[in-house]
Amino acid sequence: MAFTVPDGHVLVRCARDSWADRLDGVMVGFEADSLDAQNRTGWTILVLGRARLLERSQLTELSGFTDRAR
């Protein structure tokens, strides 16, 4: 799953007509983490919020977002 965080929003790229379509307007949780086993360090973040489906054209409204798929 690919995600990015422009302008304080968590954007998750999903295919059209996917499971994500059912989440529009629903409260969701998103977790990302990383672990460096060699150095025994890591981080994790959990975000709670309301999901909203966006069309590709709406992405340009978010500052800091670059759509690399174009």
C-alpha atoms as a PDB file:
ATOM      1  CA  MET A   1       0.000   0.000   0.000  1.00  0.00           C
ATOM      2  CA  ALA A   2       1.389   3.394  -0.953  1.00  0.00           C
ATOM      3  CA  PHE A   3       0.749   6.435   1.202  1.00  0.00           C
ATOM      4  CA  THR A   4       1.932  10.009   1.592  1.00  0.00           C
ATOM      5  CA  VAL A   5       1.239  12.830   4.062  1.00  0.00           C
ATOM      6  CA  PRO A   6       0.914  16.206   2.317  1.00  0.00           C
ATOM      7  CA  ASP A   7      -0.450  19.184   4.221  1.00  0.00           C
ATOM      8  CA  GLY A   8      -1.353  17.081   7.284  1.00  0.00           C
ATOM      9  CA  HIS A   9      -3.583  14.630   5.397  1.00  0.00           C
ATOM     10  CA  VAL A  10      -2.838  10.913   5.100  1.00  0.00           C
ATOM     11  CA  LEU A  11      -3.439   9.842   1.498  1.00  0.00           C
ATOM     12  CA  VAL A  12      -3.612   6.147   0.673  1.00  0.00           C
ATOM     13  CA  ARG A  13      -3.585   5.097  -2.972  1.00  0.00           C
ATOM     14  CA  CYS A  14      -6.225   2.471  -3.727  1.00  0.00           C
ATOM     15  CA  ALA A  15      -7.639   1.003  -6.911  1.00  0.00           C
ATOM     16  CA  ARG A  16     -11.015   2.167  -8.176  1.00  0.00           C
ATOM     17  CA  ASP A  17     -13.934   0.020  -7.011  1.00  0.00           C
ATOM     18  CA  SER A  18     -11.819  -1.407  -4.186  1.00  0.00           C
ATOM     19  CA  TRP A  19     -12.528  -2.095  -0.524  1.00  0.00           C
ATOM     20  CA  ALA A  20     -11.643   1.543   0.203  1.00  0.00           C
ATOM     21  CA  ASP A  21     -14.851   2.733  -1.484  1.00  0.00           C
ATOM     22  CA  ARG A  22     -16.809   1.413   1.502  1.00  0.00           C
ATOM     23  CA  LEU A  23     -14.861   3.651   3.897  1.00  0.00           C
ATOM     24  CA  ASP A  24     -16.065   7.037   2.625  1.00  0.00           C
ATOM     25  CA  GLY A  25     -17.284   8.966   5.677  1.00  0.00           C
ATOM     26  CA  VAL A  26     -16.302   6.246   8.164  1.00  0.00           C
ATOM     27  CA  MET A  27     -13.975   6.765  11.172  1.00  0.00           C
ATOM     28  CA  VAL A  28     -10.768   4.834  10.471  1.00  0.00           C
ATOM     29  CA  GLY A  29      -7.340   4.263  11.964  1.00  0.00           C
ATOM     30  CA  PHE A  30      -4.077   4.294  10.023  1.00  0.00           C
ATOM     31  CA  GLU A  31      -0.782   2.958  11.370  1.00  0.00           C
ATOM     32  CA  ALA A  32       2.715   3.165   9.911  1.00  0.00           C
ATOM     33  CA  ASP A  33       5.931   2.014  11.514  1.00  0.00           C
ATOM     34  CA  SER A  34       9.551   1.186  10.895  1.00  0.00           C
ATOM     35  CA  LEU A  35      11.992  -0.997  12.809  1.00  0.00           C
ATOM     36  CA  ASP A  36      15.774  -1.064  12.619  1.00  0.00           C
ATOM     37  CA  ALA A  37      16.560  -4.422  14.241  1.00  0.00           C
ATOM     38  CA  GLN A  38      20.332  -3.916  14.029  1.00  0.00           C
ATOM     39  CA  ASN A  39      20.245  -0.666  16.039  1.00  0.00           C
ATOM     40  CA  ARG A  40      17.217  -1.718  18.101  1.00  0.00           C
ATOM     41  CA  THR A  41      15.368   1.479  17.249  1.00  0.00           C
ATOM     42  CA  GLY A  42      12.054   2.165  15.621  1.00  0.00           C
ATOM     43  CA  TRP A  43       8.996   4.348  15.431  1.00  0.00           C
ATOM     44  CA  THR A  44       5.278   4.015  14.993  1.00  0.00           C
ATOM     45  CA  ILE A  45       2.432   6.440  14.434  1.00  0.00           C
ATOM     46  CA  LEU A  46      -1.315   5.940  14.651  1.00  0.00           C
ATOM     47  CA  VAL A  47      -3.788   8.423  13.160  1.00  0.00           C
ATOM     48  CA  LEU A  48      -7.539   8.383  13.695  1.00  0.00           C
ATOM     49  CA  GLY A  49      -9.912  10.305  11.471  1.00  0.00           C
ATOM     50  CA  ARG A  50     -12.784  10.255   9.017  1.00  0.00           C
ATOM     51  CA  ALA A  51     -12.034   8.720   5.618  1.00  0.00           C
ATOM     52  CA  ARG A  52     -12.920  10.662   2.505  1.00  0.00           C
ATOM     53  CA  LEU A  53     -12.621   9.430  -1.061  1.00  0.00           C
ATOM     54  CA  LEU A  54     -10.928  11.869  -3.428  1.00  0.00           C
ATOM     55  CA  GLU A  55     -10.806  12.003  -7.196  1.00  0.00           C
ATOM     56  CA  ARG A  56      -7.423  12.564  -8.823  1.00  0.00           C
ATOM     57  CA  SER A  57      -8.451  16.145  -9.718  1.00  0.00           C
ATOM     58  CA  GLN A  58      -9.013  16.955  -6.026  1.00  0.00           C
ATOM     59  CA  LEU A  59      -5.442  16.023  -5.086  1.00  0.00           C
ATOM     60  CA  THR A  60      -4.009  19.212  -6.542  1.00  0.00           C
ATOM     61  CA  GLU A  61      -5.891  21.180  -3.866  1.00  0.00           C
ATOM     62  CA  LEU A  62      -3.570  19.761  -1.188  1.00  0.00           C
ATOM     63  CA  SER A  63      -0.352  21.708  -0.866  1.00  0.00           C
ATOM     64  CA  GLY A  64       2.770  19.581  -0.976  1.00  0.00           C
ATOM     65  CA  PHE A  65       1.162  16.758  -2.922  1.00  0.00           C
ATOM     66  CA  THR A  66       2.814  15.527  -6.087  1.00  0.00           C
ATOM     67  CA  ASP A  67       1.026  12.837  -8.075  1.00  0.00           C
ATOM     68  CA  ARG A  68       3.892  10.738  -9.407  1.00  0.00           C
ATOM     69  CA  ALA A  69       1.501   8.441 -11.304  1.00  0.00           C
ATOM     70  CA  ARG A  70       0.686  11.080 -13.919  1.00  0.00           C
END
